[in-house]
């Protein structure tokens, strides 16, 4: 379980195919604090640490993960948002995030607004929806929806988030990982028989 509050940004330094799996080596300031078998969120995708080096570590993404996330688009030098699993007893600054990506979205518009940015995303899966002022996770970042339409939403990004996540690298047309709010998914599931 995560909060969507990004701890740091890691840099991809090696990608190794192994059958249909992809071993991803990430250079990060967190490397020496990690343990084998620990869960770390990478752009919102929960992956298990399998090797640790001095300044980097390795995780493995299987075909299922690659098919459903933007990790398949990683290249050497790509930046990924990183968050370690939350500790019981800590403050929950973002919202409850599982690290289980529901799908991908495309960035369709970026507007600079004199010190902040509004990013608009479009997604294809009609099984999910957003609500204004509700929570959404984009590349692992817990955000508040500021504009919600059918299969489209916008989020406002403050300068701190822009500078300390990979939002600074997102361009129109780029794919991002989405995890919709877990409470909203359960409520929708419970209400489906009555709709």
N, C-alpha and C. Protein backbone atom coordinates (compact mmCIF):
# COMPACT_ATOMS: atom_id res chain seq x y z
N UNK A 1 0.85 -1.18 0.00
CA UNK A 1 0.00 0.00 0.00
C UNK A 1 0.89 1.24 0.00
N UNK A 2 0.50 2.22 -0.79
CA UNK A 2 1.26 3.45 -0.94
C UNK A 2 0.34 4.64 -0.68
N UNK A 3 0.93 5.85 -0.70
CA UNK A 3 0.15 7.06 -0.47
C UNK A 3 0.07 7.94 -1.71
N UNK A 4 0.95 7.71 -2.69
CA UNK A 4 0.98 8.58 -3.86
C UNK A 4 1.81 9.83 -3.64
N UNK A 5 2.53 9.89 -2.53
CA UNK A 5 3.46 11.00 -2.28
C UNK A 5 4.85 10.51 -2.68
N UNK A 6 5.35 11.03 -3.78
CA UNK A 6 6.60 10.56 -4.37
C UNK A 6 7.79 10.95 -3.49
N UNK A 7 8.66 9.97 -3.22
CA UNK A 7 9.84 10.23 -2.39
C UNK A 7 10.99 10.81 -3.21
N UNK A 8 11.18 10.27 -4.40
CA UNK A 8 12.28 10.72 -5.24
C UNK A 8 12.02 10.25 -6.67
N UNK A 9 12.84 10.71 -7.57
CA UNK A 9 12.79 10.27 -8.96
C UNK A 9 14.03 9.43 -9.23
N UNK A 10 13.84 8.26 -9.82
CA UNK A 10 14.95 7.39 -10.18
C UNK A 10 15.23 7.48 -11.67
N UNK A 11 16.44 7.08 -12.06
CA UNK A 11 16.85 7.10 -13.46
C UNK A 11 17.10 5.67 -13.93
N UNK A 12 16.52 5.30 -15.06
CA UNK A 12 16.72 3.97 -15.63
C UNK A 12 18.13 3.91 -16.21
N UNK A 13 18.93 2.94 -15.71
CA UNK A 13 20.31 2.83 -16.23
C UNK A 13 20.53 1.55 -17.02
N UNK A 14 19.60 0.59 -16.90
CA UNK A 14 19.75 -0.62 -17.71
C UNK A 14 18.40 -1.32 -17.83
N UNK A 15 18.14 -1.88 -19.01
CA UNK A 15 16.93 -2.66 -19.28
C UNK A 15 17.38 -3.97 -19.93
N UNK A 16 16.98 -5.09 -19.32
CA UNK A 16 17.40 -6.39 -19.84
C UNK A 16 16.19 -7.27 -20.06
N UNK A 17 15.97 -7.69 -21.31
CA UNK A 17 14.88 -8.62 -21.62
C UNK A 17 15.29 -10.02 -21.18
N UNK A 18 14.32 -10.75 -20.62
CA UNK A 18 14.54 -12.13 -20.19
C UNK A 18 13.25 -12.88 -20.52
N UNK A 19 13.19 -13.46 -21.71
CA UNK A 19 11.94 -14.03 -22.20
C UNK A 19 10.96 -12.88 -22.39
N UNK A 20 9.79 -12.97 -21.75
CA UNK A 20 8.81 -11.88 -21.84
C UNK A 20 8.92 -10.92 -20.66
N UNK A 21 9.88 -11.16 -19.78
CA UNK A 21 10.09 -10.28 -18.62
C UNK A 21 11.08 -9.18 -18.97
N UNK A 22 11.02 -8.10 -18.19
CA UNK A 22 11.96 -6.99 -18.35
C UNK A 22 12.56 -6.69 -16.98
N UNK A 23 13.90 -6.85 -16.88
CA UNK A 23 14.62 -6.48 -15.66
C UNK A 23 14.99 -5.00 -15.81
N UNK A 24 14.60 -4.23 -14.81
CA UNK A 24 14.77 -2.78 -14.86
C UNK A 24 15.74 -2.37 -13.75
N UNK A 25 16.88 -1.77 -14.14
CA UNK A 25 17.82 -1.29 -13.14
C UNK A 25 17.63 0.21 -12.98
N UNK A 26 17.43 0.62 -11.72
CA UNK A 26 17.11 2.00 -11.41
C UNK A 26 18.19 2.59 -10.51
N UNK A 27 18.75 3.70 -10.93
CA UNK A 27 19.68 4.45 -10.08
C UNK A 27 18.86 5.38 -9.20
N UNK A 28 19.10 5.28 -7.89
CA UNK A 28 18.27 6.05 -6.97
C UNK A 28 18.97 6.28 -5.64
N UNK A 29 18.65 7.41 -5.02
CA UNK A 29 19.17 7.70 -3.68
C UNK A 29 18.59 6.75 -2.64
N UNK A 30 17.52 6.03 -2.98
CA UNK A 30 16.91 5.07 -2.05
C UNK A 30 17.62 3.72 -2.03
N UNK A 31 18.48 3.47 -2.99
CA UNK A 31 19.05 2.12 -3.20
C UNK A 31 19.60 1.49 -1.93
N UNK A 32 20.40 2.22 -1.16
CA UNK A 32 21.04 1.64 0.02
C UNK A 32 20.05 1.41 1.17
N UNK A 33 18.85 1.99 1.09
CA UNK A 33 17.84 1.81 2.14
C UNK A 33 16.89 0.65 1.82
N UNK A 34 16.99 0.10 0.63
CA UNK A 34 16.07 -0.95 0.21
C UNK A 34 16.55 -2.33 0.66
N UNK A 35 15.62 -3.28 0.61
CA UNK A 35 15.92 -4.68 0.92
C UNK A 35 15.36 -5.54 -0.20
N UNK A 36 15.99 -6.69 -0.41
CA UNK A 36 15.46 -7.67 -1.37
C UNK A 36 14.04 -8.04 -0.93
N UNK A 37 13.13 -8.21 -1.86
CA UNK A 37 11.71 -8.55 -1.64
C UNK A 37 10.85 -7.36 -1.23
N UNK A 38 11.43 -6.17 -1.13
CA UNK A 38 10.65 -4.99 -0.75
C UNK A 38 9.86 -4.48 -1.95
N UNK A 39 8.66 -3.96 -1.68
CA UNK A 39 7.83 -3.38 -2.72
C UNK A 39 8.15 -1.90 -2.88
N UNK A 40 8.31 -1.48 -4.13
CA UNK A 40 8.55 -0.07 -4.45
C UNK A 40 7.64 0.28 -5.62
N UNK A 41 7.01 1.44 -5.53
CA UNK A 41 6.16 1.93 -6.61
C UNK A 41 7.03 2.65 -7.64
N UNK A 42 6.91 2.24 -8.91
CA UNK A 42 7.63 2.84 -10.05
C UNK A 42 6.58 3.39 -11.00
N UNK A 43 6.44 4.72 -11.05
CA UNK A 43 5.38 5.33 -11.86
C UNK A 43 4.02 4.73 -11.49
N UNK A 44 3.86 4.40 -10.20
CA UNK A 44 2.60 3.86 -9.72
C UNK A 44 2.47 2.36 -9.83
N UNK A 45 3.48 1.67 -10.32
CA UNK A 45 3.44 0.22 -10.47
C UNK A 45 4.24 -0.41 -9.34
N UNK A 46 3.59 -1.25 -8.55
CA UNK A 46 4.25 -1.94 -7.45
C UNK A 46 5.12 -3.06 -8.01
N UNK A 47 6.45 -2.96 -7.80
CA UNK A 47 7.39 -3.96 -8.26
C UNK A 47 8.28 -4.38 -7.09
N UNK A 48 8.78 -5.60 -7.13
CA UNK A 48 9.58 -6.18 -6.06
C UNK A 48 11.07 -6.03 -6.36
N UNK A 49 11.82 -5.56 -5.38
CA UNK A 49 13.27 -5.44 -5.51
C UNK A 49 13.88 -6.84 -5.52
N UNK A 50 14.67 -7.15 -6.57
CA UNK A 50 15.28 -8.48 -6.69
C UNK A 50 16.80 -8.45 -6.55
N UNK A 51 17.43 -7.29 -6.77
CA UNK A 51 18.88 -7.13 -6.59
C UNK A 51 19.15 -5.71 -6.11
N UNK A 52 20.21 -5.57 -5.34
CA UNK A 52 20.62 -4.23 -4.88
C UNK A 52 22.10 -4.07 -5.15
N UNK A 53 22.46 -2.95 -5.77
CA UNK A 53 23.86 -2.59 -6.01
C UNK A 53 24.15 -1.35 -5.17
N UNK A 54 25.34 -0.82 -5.30
CA UNK A 54 25.73 0.31 -4.47
C UNK A 54 24.83 1.54 -4.66
N UNK A 55 24.57 1.91 -5.90
CA UNK A 55 23.76 3.11 -6.14
C UNK A 55 22.50 2.80 -6.97
N UNK A 56 22.23 1.52 -7.18
CA UNK A 56 21.07 1.14 -7.99
C UNK A 56 20.47 -0.15 -7.47
N UNK A 57 19.32 -0.49 -8.01
CA UNK A 57 18.66 -1.75 -7.67
C UNK A 57 17.91 -2.24 -8.90
N UNK A 58 17.48 -3.50 -8.85
CA UNK A 58 16.81 -4.11 -10.00
C UNK A 58 15.44 -4.62 -9.57
N UNK A 59 14.45 -4.39 -10.43
CA UNK A 59 13.11 -4.95 -10.29
C UNK A 59 12.76 -5.63 -11.59
N UNK A 60 11.77 -6.51 -11.57
CA UNK A 60 11.37 -7.24 -12.77
C UNK A 60 9.90 -6.98 -13.06
N UNK A 61 9.61 -6.62 -14.29
CA UNK A 61 8.23 -6.47 -14.75
C UNK A 61 7.90 -7.64 -15.67
N UNK A 62 6.79 -8.32 -15.38
CA UNK A 62 6.36 -9.45 -16.21
C UNK A 62 5.51 -8.94 -17.37
N UNK A 63 5.19 -9.82 -18.31
CA UNK A 63 4.41 -9.46 -19.50
C UNK A 63 3.10 -8.76 -19.14
N UNK A 64 2.37 -9.30 -18.17
CA UNK A 64 1.10 -8.69 -17.75
C UNK A 64 1.29 -7.23 -17.37
N UNK A 65 2.33 -6.94 -16.62
CA UNK A 65 2.62 -5.57 -16.20
C UNK A 65 3.00 -4.70 -17.38
N UNK A 66 3.83 -5.22 -18.25
CA UNK A 66 4.26 -4.45 -19.42
C UNK A 66 3.10 -4.17 -20.36
N UNK A 67 2.19 -5.14 -20.51
CA UNK A 67 1.03 -4.95 -21.38
C UNK A 67 0.09 -3.86 -20.88
N UNK A 68 0.00 -3.67 -19.57
CA UNK A 68 -1.02 -2.78 -19.00
C UNK A 68 -0.49 -1.45 -18.48
N UNK A 69 0.82 -1.22 -18.60
CA UNK A 69 1.39 0.01 -18.04
C UNK A 69 2.30 0.68 -19.06
N UNK A 70 2.80 1.86 -18.67
CA UNK A 70 3.73 2.56 -19.56
C UNK A 70 5.18 2.13 -19.33
N UNK A 71 5.41 1.12 -18.49
CA UNK A 71 6.78 0.65 -18.28
C UNK A 71 7.37 0.08 -19.57
N UNK A 72 6.53 -0.37 -20.48
CA UNK A 72 7.02 -0.89 -21.76
C UNK A 72 7.70 0.21 -22.59
N UNK A 73 7.45 1.47 -22.26
CA UNK A 73 8.03 2.59 -23.01
C UNK A 73 9.34 3.09 -22.41
N UNK A 74 9.81 2.48 -21.31
CA UNK A 74 11.03 2.95 -20.67
C UNK A 74 12.23 2.79 -21.58
N UNK A 75 13.16 3.74 -21.45
CA UNK A 75 14.43 3.70 -22.16
C UNK A 75 15.52 4.05 -21.16
N UNK A 76 16.77 3.74 -21.48
CA UNK A 76 17.87 4.19 -20.63
C UNK A 76 17.78 5.71 -20.52
N UNK A 77 17.87 6.21 -19.30
CA UNK A 77 17.77 7.65 -19.07
C UNK A 77 16.39 8.11 -18.68
N UNK A 78 15.36 7.27 -18.87
CA UNK A 78 14.00 7.64 -18.46
C UNK A 78 13.96 7.89 -16.96
N UNK A 79 13.12 8.83 -16.54
CA UNK A 79 12.92 9.10 -15.12
C UNK A 79 11.63 8.44 -14.66
N UNK A 80 11.67 7.82 -13.48
CA UNK A 80 10.48 7.18 -12.91
C UNK A 80 10.24 7.72 -11.50
N UNK A 81 8.98 7.92 -11.17
CA UNK A 81 8.60 8.35 -9.83
C UNK A 81 8.69 7.15 -8.89
N UNK A 82 9.32 7.35 -7.72
CA UNK A 82 9.54 6.26 -6.78
C UNK A 82 8.90 6.56 -5.42
N UNK A 83 8.29 5.51 -4.85
CA UNK A 83 7.76 5.60 -3.50
C UNK A 83 7.86 4.23 -2.85
N UNK A 84 8.41 4.20 -1.64
CA UNK A 84 8.41 2.95 -0.88
C UNK A 84 7.05 2.77 -0.23
N UNK A 85 6.72 1.53 0.11
CA UNK A 85 5.44 1.23 0.76
C UNK A 85 5.31 2.03 2.05
N UNK A 86 4.07 2.42 2.37
CA UNK A 86 3.86 3.21 3.58
C UNK A 86 4.02 2.33 4.82
N UNK A 87 4.34 2.97 5.94
CA UNK A 87 4.46 2.30 7.22
C UNK A 87 3.18 2.51 8.01
N UNK A 88 2.73 1.49 8.71
CA UNK A 88 1.59 1.66 9.60
C UNK A 88 1.95 2.68 10.66
N UNK A 89 1.04 3.58 10.94
CA UNK A 89 1.27 4.61 11.94
C UNK A 89 1.74 5.92 11.35
N UNK A 90 2.16 5.93 10.06
CA UNK A 90 2.55 7.19 9.42
C UNK A 90 1.32 7.97 9.00
N UNK A 91 1.52 9.26 8.75
CA UNK A 91 0.44 10.07 8.21
C UNK A 91 0.15 9.62 6.78
N UNK A 92 -1.10 9.67 6.40
CA UNK A 92 -1.51 9.33 5.03
C UNK A 92 -1.71 10.66 4.30
N UNK A 93 -0.62 11.20 3.73
CA UNK A 93 -0.66 12.52 3.12
C UNK A 93 -1.36 12.55 1.77
N UNK A 94 -1.33 11.46 1.03
CA UNK A 94 -1.98 11.42 -0.28
C UNK A 94 -3.33 10.75 -0.14
N UNK A 95 -3.49 9.59 -0.76
CA UNK A 95 -4.67 8.77 -0.58
C UNK A 95 -4.23 7.30 -0.68
N UNK A 96 -5.13 6.38 -0.38
CA UNK A 96 -4.75 4.97 -0.42
C UNK A 96 -4.51 4.52 -1.85
N UNK A 97 -3.28 4.08 -2.12
CA UNK A 97 -2.85 3.67 -3.45
C UNK A 97 -2.31 2.25 -3.34
N UNK A 98 -2.77 1.36 -4.18
CA UNK A 98 -2.33 -0.03 -4.11
C UNK A 98 -1.08 -0.32 -4.93
N UNK A 99 -0.80 0.48 -5.92
CA UNK A 99 0.30 0.17 -6.82
C UNK A 99 -0.12 -0.82 -7.90
N UNK A 100 -1.44 -0.98 -8.07
CA UNK A 100 -2.00 -1.87 -9.08
C UNK A 100 -2.64 -0.98 -10.16
N UNK A 101 -1.93 -0.78 -11.23
CA UNK A 101 -2.35 0.14 -12.27
C UNK A 101 -3.59 -0.38 -12.98
N UNK A 102 -4.59 0.50 -13.16
CA UNK A 102 -5.82 0.13 -13.84
C UNK A 102 -5.70 0.25 -15.35
N UNK A 103 -4.80 1.07 -15.82
CA UNK A 103 -4.63 1.25 -17.25
C UNK A 103 -3.77 2.45 -17.54
N UNK A 104 -3.67 2.79 -18.81
CA UNK A 104 -2.87 3.94 -19.21
C UNK A 104 -3.77 5.01 -19.81
N UNK A 105 -3.26 6.23 -19.79
CA UNK A 105 -3.94 7.37 -20.40
C UNK A 105 -2.92 8.12 -21.24
N UNK A 106 -3.42 8.92 -22.16
CA UNK A 106 -2.56 9.78 -22.98
C UNK A 106 -2.74 11.22 -22.53
N UNK A 107 -1.63 11.93 -22.45
CA UNK A 107 -1.69 13.36 -22.16
C UNK A 107 -2.16 14.06 -23.43
N UNK A 108 -3.28 14.78 -23.33
CA UNK A 108 -3.81 15.43 -24.53
C UNK A 108 -3.66 16.96 -24.50
N UNK A 109 -3.33 17.51 -23.32
CA UNK A 109 -3.13 18.96 -23.27
C UNK A 109 -2.35 19.32 -22.02
N UNK A 110 -1.45 20.29 -22.15
CA UNK A 110 -0.71 20.85 -21.02
C UNK A 110 -0.85 22.36 -21.12
N UNK A 111 -1.38 22.96 -20.06
CA UNK A 111 -1.54 24.42 -20.02
C UNK A 111 -0.73 24.97 -18.87
N UNK A 112 0.15 25.94 -19.17
CA UNK A 112 0.88 26.61 -18.10
C UNK A 112 0.02 27.76 -17.61
N UNK A 113 -0.10 27.87 -16.30
CA UNK A 113 -1.00 28.87 -15.72
C UNK A 113 -0.27 29.77 -14.74
N UNK A 114 0.77 30.47 -15.22
CA UNK A 114 1.47 31.46 -14.41
C UNK A 114 1.93 30.89 -13.07
N UNK A 115 2.71 29.83 -13.12
CA UNK A 115 3.26 29.26 -11.90
C UNK A 115 2.78 27.86 -11.58
N UNK A 116 1.78 27.38 -12.28
CA UNK A 116 1.33 26.00 -12.13
C UNK A 116 0.97 25.48 -13.52
N UNK A 117 0.62 24.20 -13.57
CA UNK A 117 0.29 23.58 -14.85
C UNK A 117 -1.00 22.78 -14.70
N UNK A 118 -1.79 22.74 -15.76
CA UNK A 118 -2.96 21.86 -15.81
C UNK A 118 -2.70 20.84 -16.91
N UNK A 119 -2.67 19.57 -16.51
CA UNK A 119 -2.47 18.46 -17.44
C UNK A 119 -3.82 17.78 -17.66
N UNK A 120 -4.17 17.55 -18.92
CA UNK A 120 -5.41 16.85 -19.25
C UNK A 120 -5.06 15.51 -19.88
N UNK A 121 -5.75 14.47 -19.39
CA UNK A 121 -5.50 13.10 -19.84
C UNK A 121 -6.78 12.47 -20.35
N UNK A 122 -6.62 11.59 -21.34
CA UNK A 122 -7.73 10.84 -21.91
C UNK A 122 -7.41 9.36 -21.79
N UNK A 123 -8.43 8.55 -21.44
CA UNK A 123 -8.23 7.11 -21.31
C UNK A 123 -9.37 6.38 -22.00
N UNK A 124 -9.12 5.12 -22.40
CA UNK A 124 -10.08 4.37 -23.22
C UNK A 124 -11.04 3.51 -22.40
N UNK A 125 -10.62 3.06 -21.22
CA UNK A 125 -11.41 2.10 -20.46
C UNK A 125 -12.64 2.76 -19.83
N UNK A 126 -13.81 2.49 -20.38
CA UNK A 126 -15.06 3.10 -19.90
C UNK A 126 -15.54 2.51 -18.58
N UNK A 127 -14.87 1.45 -18.08
CA UNK A 127 -15.25 0.87 -16.79
C UNK A 127 -14.86 1.76 -15.63
N UNK A 128 -14.00 2.73 -15.87
CA UNK A 128 -13.52 3.61 -14.81
C UNK A 128 -14.00 5.02 -15.05
N UNK A 129 -14.06 5.78 -13.96
CA UNK A 129 -14.44 7.19 -14.09
C UNK A 129 -13.82 7.98 -12.96
N UNK A 130 -13.75 9.28 -13.17
CA UNK A 130 -13.25 10.20 -12.15
C UNK A 130 -14.38 11.11 -11.72
N UNK A 131 -14.20 11.75 -10.59
CA UNK A 131 -15.13 12.78 -10.13
C UNK A 131 -14.32 14.01 -9.75
N UNK A 132 -14.90 15.19 -9.99
CA UNK A 132 -14.20 16.41 -9.61
C UNK A 132 -13.97 16.44 -8.11
N UNK A 133 -12.75 16.84 -7.75
CA UNK A 133 -12.27 16.89 -6.36
C UNK A 133 -12.03 15.50 -5.79
N UNK A 134 -12.14 14.46 -6.62
CA UNK A 134 -11.80 13.11 -6.20
C UNK A 134 -10.32 12.85 -6.40
N UNK A 135 -9.88 11.68 -5.98
CA UNK A 135 -8.46 11.33 -6.08
C UNK A 135 -8.19 10.47 -7.32
N UNK A 136 -7.01 10.65 -7.87
CA UNK A 136 -6.51 9.85 -8.99
C UNK A 136 -5.00 9.72 -8.81
N UNK A 137 -4.44 8.62 -9.24
CA UNK A 137 -3.00 8.45 -9.21
C UNK A 137 -2.49 8.43 -10.64
N UNK A 138 -1.59 9.35 -10.96
CA UNK A 138 -0.99 9.45 -12.29
C UNK A 138 0.51 9.21 -12.14
N UNK A 139 1.01 8.15 -12.77
CA UNK A 139 2.42 7.75 -12.62
C UNK A 139 2.82 7.67 -11.16
N UNK A 140 1.89 7.22 -10.32
CA UNK A 140 2.18 7.04 -8.91
C UNK A 140 1.98 8.27 -8.05
N UNK A 141 1.62 9.40 -8.65
CA UNK A 141 1.45 10.65 -7.91
C UNK A 141 -0.02 10.80 -7.52
N UNK A 142 -0.28 10.96 -6.22
CA UNK A 142 -1.64 11.20 -5.73
C UNK A 142 -2.05 12.63 -6.08
N UNK A 143 -3.15 12.76 -6.82
CA UNK A 143 -3.59 14.07 -7.29
C UNK A 143 -5.10 14.23 -7.11
N UNK A 144 -5.54 15.47 -7.15
CA UNK A 144 -6.96 15.80 -7.08
C UNK A 144 -7.45 16.16 -8.48
N UNK A 145 -8.55 15.56 -8.88
CA UNK A 145 -9.15 15.84 -10.18
C UNK A 145 -9.78 17.24 -10.14
N UNK A 146 -9.42 18.10 -11.10
CA UNK A 146 -10.00 19.44 -11.15
C UNK A 146 -11.06 19.58 -12.23
N UNK A 147 -11.07 18.67 -13.16
CA UNK A 147 -12.08 18.70 -14.21
C UNK A 147 -12.30 17.26 -14.66
N UNK A 148 -13.54 16.81 -14.63
CA UNK A 148 -13.84 15.43 -14.97
C UNK A 148 -14.88 15.36 -16.07
N UNK A 149 -14.56 14.62 -17.12
CA UNK A 149 -15.48 14.36 -18.22
C UNK A 149 -15.45 12.86 -18.48
N UNK A 150 -16.31 12.40 -19.35
CA UNK A 150 -16.30 10.99 -19.70
C UNK A 150 -14.97 10.63 -20.33
N UNK A 151 -14.25 9.70 -19.68
CA UNK A 151 -12.97 9.19 -20.14
C UNK A 151 -11.91 10.28 -20.33
N UNK A 152 -12.01 11.35 -19.55
CA UNK A 152 -11.06 12.45 -19.62
C UNK A 152 -11.08 13.19 -18.28
N UNK A 153 -9.93 13.66 -17.86
CA UNK A 153 -9.86 14.45 -16.63
C UNK A 153 -8.63 15.34 -16.68
N UNK A 154 -8.63 16.35 -15.81
CA UNK A 154 -7.50 17.25 -15.67
C UNK A 154 -7.05 17.29 -14.23
N UNK A 155 -5.75 17.55 -14.05
CA UNK A 155 -5.18 17.74 -12.71
C UNK A 155 -4.31 18.98 -12.75
N UNK A 156 -4.26 19.69 -11.62
CA UNK A 156 -3.40 20.87 -11.50
C UNK A 156 -2.12 20.45 -10.78
N UNK A 157 -0.99 20.88 -11.32
CA UNK A 157 0.32 20.51 -10.79
C UNK A 157 1.02 21.75 -10.26
N UNK A 158 1.36 21.72 -8.97
CA UNK A 158 2.07 22.84 -8.36
C UNK A 158 3.56 22.74 -8.71
N UNK A 159 4.31 23.84 -8.58
CA UNK A 159 5.73 23.80 -8.94
C UNK A 159 6.52 22.71 -8.22
N UNK A 160 6.27 22.47 -6.93
CA UNK A 160 7.01 21.44 -6.20
C UNK A 160 6.82 20.07 -6.84
N UNK A 161 5.57 19.71 -7.16
CA UNK A 161 5.30 18.42 -7.79
C UNK A 161 5.92 18.34 -9.17
N UNK A 162 5.84 19.43 -9.92
CA UNK A 162 6.43 19.48 -11.26
C UNK A 162 7.93 19.21 -11.20
N UNK A 163 8.62 19.84 -10.29
CA UNK A 163 10.08 19.72 -10.20
C UNK A 163 10.54 18.42 -9.57
N UNK A 164 9.74 17.80 -8.69
CA UNK A 164 10.19 16.65 -7.92
C UNK A 164 9.57 15.33 -8.36
N UNK A 165 8.94 15.30 -9.52
CA UNK A 165 8.40 14.08 -10.11
C UNK A 165 8.74 14.08 -11.59
N UNK A 166 8.31 13.05 -12.31
CA UNK A 166 8.59 13.06 -13.76
C UNK A 166 7.53 13.83 -14.55
N UNK A 167 6.67 14.60 -13.87
CA UNK A 167 5.74 15.46 -14.61
C UNK A 167 6.49 16.44 -15.50
N UNK A 168 7.70 16.84 -15.09
CA UNK A 168 8.48 17.79 -15.90
C UNK A 168 8.89 17.20 -17.25
N UNK A 169 8.79 15.86 -17.40
CA UNK A 169 9.19 15.23 -18.66
C UNK A 169 7.98 14.85 -19.53
N UNK A 170 6.77 14.96 -18.98
CA UNK A 170 5.57 14.55 -19.73
C UNK A 170 5.26 15.58 -20.82
N UNK A 171 5.04 15.09 -22.00
CA UNK A 171 4.67 15.92 -23.16
C UNK A 171 3.32 15.43 -23.69
N UNK A 172 2.65 16.27 -24.49
CA UNK A 172 1.41 15.84 -25.12
C UNK A 172 1.69 14.60 -25.96
N UNK A 173 0.82 13.59 -25.83
CA UNK A 173 0.96 12.34 -26.54
C UNK A 173 1.63 11.25 -25.70
N UNK A 174 2.31 11.62 -24.61
CA UNK A 174 2.94 10.62 -23.74
C UNK A 174 1.89 9.82 -22.99
N UNK A 175 2.23 8.55 -22.71
CA UNK A 175 1.36 7.69 -21.91
C UNK A 175 1.76 7.75 -20.45
N UNK A 176 0.75 7.70 -19.57
CA UNK A 176 0.97 7.66 -18.12
C UNK A 176 0.16 6.51 -17.55
N UNK A 177 0.59 6.04 -16.37
CA UNK A 177 -0.15 4.99 -15.66
C UNK A 177 -1.22 5.62 -14.79
N UNK A 178 -2.39 4.98 -14.74
CA UNK A 178 -3.49 5.46 -13.91
C UNK A 178 -3.89 4.39 -12.90
N UNK A 179 -4.11 4.83 -11.68
CA UNK A 179 -4.79 4.00 -10.70
C UNK A 179 -5.94 4.84 -10.15
N UNK A 180 -7.14 4.36 -10.40
CA UNK A 180 -8.32 5.08 -9.92
C UNK A 180 -8.50 4.82 -8.43
N UNK A 181 -9.20 5.72 -7.77
CA UNK A 181 -9.40 5.65 -6.33
C UNK A 181 -10.06 4.34 -5.91
N UNK A 182 -9.43 3.62 -4.98
CA UNK A 182 -9.92 2.30 -4.56
C UNK A 182 -11.31 2.38 -3.95
N UNK A 183 -11.58 3.42 -3.18
CA UNK A 183 -12.91 3.55 -2.56
C UNK A 183 -13.96 3.77 -3.65
N UNK A 184 -13.64 4.61 -4.63
CA UNK A 184 -14.56 4.83 -5.74
C UNK A 184 -14.83 3.56 -6.53
N UNK A 185 -13.78 2.72 -6.70
CA UNK A 185 -13.97 1.47 -7.45
C UNK A 185 -14.90 0.53 -6.68
N UNK A 186 -14.73 0.45 -5.36
CA UNK A 186 -15.61 -0.43 -4.56
C UNK A 186 -17.05 0.08 -4.57
N UNK A 187 -17.23 1.39 -4.42
CA UNK A 187 -18.58 1.96 -4.43
C UNK A 187 -19.25 1.68 -5.77
N UNK A 188 -18.53 1.90 -6.87
CA UNK A 188 -19.09 1.65 -8.20
C UNK A 188 -19.47 0.18 -8.35
N UNK A 189 -18.61 -0.73 -7.89
CA UNK A 189 -18.87 -2.16 -7.97
C UNK A 189 -20.12 -2.54 -7.17
N UNK A 190 -20.26 -1.98 -6.00
CA UNK A 190 -21.44 -2.27 -5.16
C UNK A 190 -22.72 -1.72 -5.76
N UNK A 191 -22.62 -0.59 -6.46
CA UNK A 191 -23.82 0.06 -7.03
C UNK A 191 -24.22 -0.47 -8.40
N UNK A 192 -23.34 -1.19 -9.08
CA UNK A 192 -23.63 -1.66 -10.44
C UNK A 192 -24.96 -2.42 -10.57
N UNK A 193 -25.33 -3.30 -9.63
CA UNK A 193 -26.61 -3.99 -9.79
C UNK A 193 -27.83 -3.05 -9.77
N UNK A 194 -27.65 -1.85 -9.23
CA UNK A 194 -28.78 -0.91 -9.09
C UNK A 194 -28.80 0.14 -10.19
N UNK A 195 -27.77 0.15 -11.04
CA UNK A 195 -27.70 1.17 -12.08
C UNK A 195 -28.33 0.71 -13.38
